[in-house]
Amino acid sequence: MTDRVKIFGKDTWPYTTSAREAYSKEGKDVEYIDVFAGKEEMNAMLKFSNGKRKVPVIVEDDTVTIGFNGGTWGV
């Protein structure tokens, strides 16, 4: 298991903020990608989420989780 996690989200979404904070508190190296920063960022997220447009999308090792705290939607 790695200490690095990738989180795709949007700055204004509270679950994105909560996920980033929670993983940081666990000591994880969090790479945050704002899906509204550009087309490349959105397309990268959509590859991990199988086209689902729900955030946050959390990528840790080979596990992809869609959603945080308020429930997960799975891939």
N, C-alpha and C. Protein backbone atom coordinates (compact mmCIF):
# COMPACT_ATOMS: atom_id res chain seq x y z
N MET A 1 0.85 -1.19 0.00
CA MET A 1 0.00 0.00 0.00
C MET A 1 0.89 1.25 0.00
N THR A 2 0.52 2.19 -0.81
CA THR A 2 1.31 3.40 -0.98
C THR A 2 0.83 4.51 -0.05
N ASP A 3 1.71 5.47 0.16
CA ASP A 3 1.34 6.63 0.97
C ASP A 3 0.87 7.77 0.08
N ARG A 4 0.63 7.48 -1.19
CA ARG A 4 0.23 8.51 -2.14
C ARG A 4 -1.21 8.24 -2.60
N VAL A 5 -1.99 9.31 -2.67
CA VAL A 5 -3.36 9.20 -3.14
C VAL A 5 -3.63 10.36 -4.08
N LYS A 6 -4.41 10.08 -5.12
CA LYS A 6 -4.78 11.09 -6.11
C LYS A 6 -6.26 11.38 -5.91
N ILE A 7 -6.62 12.65 -5.77
CA ILE A 7 -8.01 13.03 -5.57
C ILE A 7 -8.42 14.01 -6.66
N PHE A 8 -9.39 13.59 -7.45
CA PHE A 8 -9.98 14.46 -8.46
C PHE A 8 -11.22 15.09 -7.85
N GLY A 9 -11.39 16.40 -8.00
CA GLY A 9 -12.56 17.05 -7.43
C GLY A 9 -12.70 18.47 -7.91
N LYS A 10 -13.54 19.19 -7.21
CA LYS A 10 -13.71 20.62 -7.49
C LYS A 10 -13.61 21.37 -6.17
N ASP A 11 -13.02 22.54 -6.25
CA ASP A 11 -12.72 23.32 -5.05
C ASP A 11 -13.94 23.66 -4.21
N THR A 12 -15.08 23.83 -4.85
CA THR A 12 -16.28 24.28 -4.14
C THR A 12 -17.09 23.14 -3.53
N TRP A 13 -16.67 21.90 -3.71
CA TRP A 13 -17.44 20.76 -3.24
C TRP A 13 -16.94 20.32 -1.87
N PRO A 14 -17.80 20.30 -0.85
CA PRO A 14 -17.35 20.00 0.52
C PRO A 14 -16.77 18.59 0.68
N TYR A 15 -17.27 17.62 -0.08
CA TYR A 15 -16.74 16.26 0.05
C TYR A 15 -15.32 16.16 -0.50
N THR A 16 -15.02 16.97 -1.50
CA THR A 16 -13.64 17.03 -2.00
C THR A 16 -12.72 17.57 -0.92
N THR A 17 -13.13 18.65 -0.29
CA THR A 17 -12.33 19.24 0.79
C THR A 17 -12.16 18.26 1.94
N SER A 18 -13.24 17.59 2.33
CA SER A 18 -13.17 16.61 3.43
C SER A 18 -12.23 15.47 3.10
N ALA A 19 -12.28 14.97 1.87
CA ALA A 19 -11.39 13.88 1.47
C ALA A 19 -9.94 14.31 1.51
N ARG A 20 -9.66 15.48 0.98
CA ARG A 20 -8.28 15.98 0.99
C ARG A 20 -7.75 16.11 2.41
N GLU A 21 -8.56 16.66 3.29
CA GLU A 21 -8.15 16.84 4.69
C GLU A 21 -7.95 15.50 5.39
N ALA A 22 -8.87 14.58 5.18
CA ALA A 22 -8.79 13.28 5.86
C ALA A 22 -7.55 12.49 5.43
N TYR A 23 -7.29 12.44 4.14
CA TYR A 23 -6.11 11.71 3.68
C TYR A 23 -4.82 12.39 4.12
N SER A 24 -4.81 13.70 4.16
CA SER A 24 -3.63 14.42 4.65
C SER A 24 -3.37 14.11 6.11
N LYS A 25 -4.45 14.06 6.91
CA LYS A 25 -4.31 13.75 8.33
C LYS A 25 -3.78 12.34 8.54
N GLU A 26 -4.05 11.43 7.59
CA GLU A 26 -3.54 10.06 7.67
C GLU A 26 -2.08 9.98 7.27
N GLY A 27 -1.52 11.12 6.85
CA GLY A 27 -0.13 11.15 6.45
C GLY A 27 0.10 10.79 4.99
N LYS A 28 -0.96 10.75 4.22
CA LYS A 28 -0.85 10.43 2.79
C LYS A 28 -0.35 11.64 2.02
N ASP A 29 0.40 11.37 0.97
CA ASP A 29 0.83 12.40 0.04
C ASP A 29 -0.32 12.58 -0.95
N VAL A 30 -1.06 13.66 -0.82
CA VAL A 30 -2.26 13.88 -1.62
C VAL A 30 -1.93 14.73 -2.84
N GLU A 31 -2.25 14.16 -4.00
CA GLU A 31 -2.16 14.92 -5.25
C GLU A 31 -3.59 15.31 -5.61
N TYR A 32 -3.88 16.59 -5.59
CA TYR A 32 -5.23 17.08 -5.89
C TYR A 32 -5.28 17.57 -7.33
N ILE A 33 -6.31 17.13 -8.04
CA ILE A 33 -6.53 17.55 -9.41
C ILE A 33 -7.91 18.20 -9.49
N ASP A 34 -7.94 19.49 -9.81
CA ASP A 34 -9.19 20.23 -9.98
C ASP A 34 -9.74 19.92 -11.37
N VAL A 35 -10.88 19.26 -11.43
CA VAL A 35 -11.43 18.83 -12.72
C VAL A 35 -11.93 20.00 -13.56
N PHE A 36 -12.06 21.17 -12.95
CA PHE A 36 -12.47 22.35 -13.71
C PHE A 36 -11.27 23.15 -14.22
N ALA A 37 -10.06 22.67 -13.95
CA ALA A 37 -8.86 23.38 -14.40
C ALA A 37 -8.69 23.28 -15.92
N GLY A 38 -9.24 22.24 -16.52
CA GLY A 38 -9.13 22.09 -17.96
C GLY A 38 -9.65 20.75 -18.43
N LYS A 39 -9.69 20.61 -19.72
CA LYS A 39 -10.24 19.41 -20.35
C LYS A 39 -9.41 18.16 -20.01
N GLU A 40 -8.09 18.30 -19.96
CA GLU A 40 -7.23 17.16 -19.64
C GLU A 40 -7.52 16.60 -18.25
N GLU A 41 -7.70 17.49 -17.29
CA GLU A 41 -7.98 17.05 -15.92
C GLU A 41 -9.33 16.31 -15.85
N MET A 42 -10.34 16.85 -16.51
CA MET A 42 -11.65 16.20 -16.53
C MET A 42 -11.56 14.84 -17.21
N ASN A 43 -10.88 14.77 -18.33
CA ASN A 43 -10.76 13.50 -19.05
C ASN A 43 -10.00 12.45 -18.24
N ALA A 44 -8.98 12.88 -17.51
CA ALA A 44 -8.25 11.95 -16.66
C ALA A 44 -9.17 11.37 -15.59
N MET A 45 -9.99 12.22 -14.97
CA MET A 45 -10.93 11.75 -13.96
C MET A 45 -11.92 10.77 -14.56
N LEU A 46 -12.45 11.10 -15.74
CA LEU A 46 -13.46 10.25 -16.38
C LEU A 46 -12.92 8.87 -16.71
N LYS A 47 -11.64 8.76 -17.00
CA LYS A 47 -11.03 7.45 -17.25
C LYS A 47 -11.06 6.59 -15.98
N PHE A 48 -10.75 7.21 -14.85
CA PHE A 48 -10.76 6.47 -13.59
C PHE A 48 -12.18 6.14 -13.14
N SER A 49 -13.14 7.01 -13.45
CA SER A 49 -14.52 6.83 -12.96
C SER A 49 -15.43 6.15 -13.96
N ASN A 50 -14.86 5.64 -15.04
CA ASN A 50 -15.66 5.00 -16.10
C ASN A 50 -16.75 5.93 -16.62
N GLY A 51 -16.41 7.20 -16.76
CA GLY A 51 -17.33 8.17 -17.34
C GLY A 51 -18.29 8.83 -16.37
N LYS A 52 -18.24 8.45 -15.12
CA LYS A 52 -19.15 9.06 -14.13
C LYS A 52 -18.64 10.43 -13.74
N ARG A 53 -19.54 11.40 -13.68
CA ARG A 53 -19.18 12.78 -13.36
C ARG A 53 -19.57 13.12 -11.92
N LYS A 54 -19.09 12.33 -11.00
CA LYS A 54 -19.31 12.58 -9.58
C LYS A 54 -17.95 12.73 -8.93
N VAL A 55 -17.85 13.69 -8.03
CA VAL A 55 -16.58 13.91 -7.32
C VAL A 55 -16.80 13.84 -5.83
N PRO A 56 -15.78 13.58 -5.08
CA PRO A 56 -14.42 13.33 -5.52
C PRO A 56 -14.24 11.91 -6.05
N VAL A 57 -13.25 11.74 -6.91
CA VAL A 57 -12.79 10.44 -7.36
C VAL A 57 -11.42 10.25 -6.71
N ILE A 58 -11.31 9.21 -5.90
CA ILE A 58 -10.11 8.97 -5.10
C ILE A 58 -9.41 7.73 -5.65
N VAL A 59 -8.14 7.89 -6.02
CA VAL A 59 -7.36 6.79 -6.57
C VAL A 59 -6.22 6.49 -5.61
N GLU A 60 -6.26 5.27 -5.07
CA GLU A 60 -5.23 4.83 -4.12
C GLU A 60 -4.81 3.43 -4.51
N ASP A 61 -3.56 3.29 -4.91
CA ASP A 61 -3.07 2.03 -5.47
C ASP A 61 -3.96 1.64 -6.64
N ASP A 62 -4.54 0.46 -6.60
CA ASP A 62 -5.40 -0.02 -7.68
C ASP A 62 -6.89 0.16 -7.36
N THR A 63 -7.18 0.92 -6.32
CA THR A 63 -8.56 1.11 -5.89
C THR A 63 -9.06 2.50 -6.27
N VAL A 64 -10.23 2.53 -6.89
CA VAL A 64 -10.87 3.79 -7.25
C VAL A 64 -12.17 3.90 -6.46
N THR A 65 -12.34 4.99 -5.74
CA THR A 65 -13.55 5.24 -4.97
C THR A 65 -14.17 6.53 -5.46
N ILE A 66 -15.47 6.48 -5.69
CA ILE A 66 -16.19 7.68 -6.11
C ILE A 66 -17.05 8.11 -4.94
N GLY A 67 -16.78 9.33 -4.45
CA GLY A 67 -17.51 9.85 -3.30
C GLY A 67 -16.68 9.75 -2.04
N PHE A 68 -17.11 10.51 -1.03
CA PHE A 68 -16.43 10.49 0.26
C PHE A 68 -17.41 10.89 1.34
N ASN A 69 -17.44 10.15 2.41
CA ASN A 69 -18.30 10.38 3.58
C ASN A 69 -19.79 10.31 3.28
N GLY A 70 -20.30 11.07 2.39
CA GLY A 70 -21.72 11.04 2.08
C GLY A 70 -22.14 9.80 1.32
N GLY A 71 -21.25 8.87 1.18
CA GLY A 71 -21.54 7.64 0.47
C GLY A 71 -20.58 7.47 -0.69
N THR A 72 -20.45 6.27 -1.14
CA THR A 72 -19.62 6.00 -2.31
C THR A 72 -20.49 5.35 -3.36
N TRP A 73 -20.16 5.61 -4.58
CA TRP A 73 -20.98 5.10 -5.68
C TRP A 73 -20.33 3.94 -6.39
N GLY A 74 -19.07 3.68 -6.13
CA GLY A 74 -18.36 2.58 -6.76
C GLY A 74 -18.15 2.77 -8.25
N VAL A 75 -17.27 1.99 -8.79
CA VAL A 75 -16.96 2.10 -10.22
C VAL A 75 -17.47 0.87 -10.92
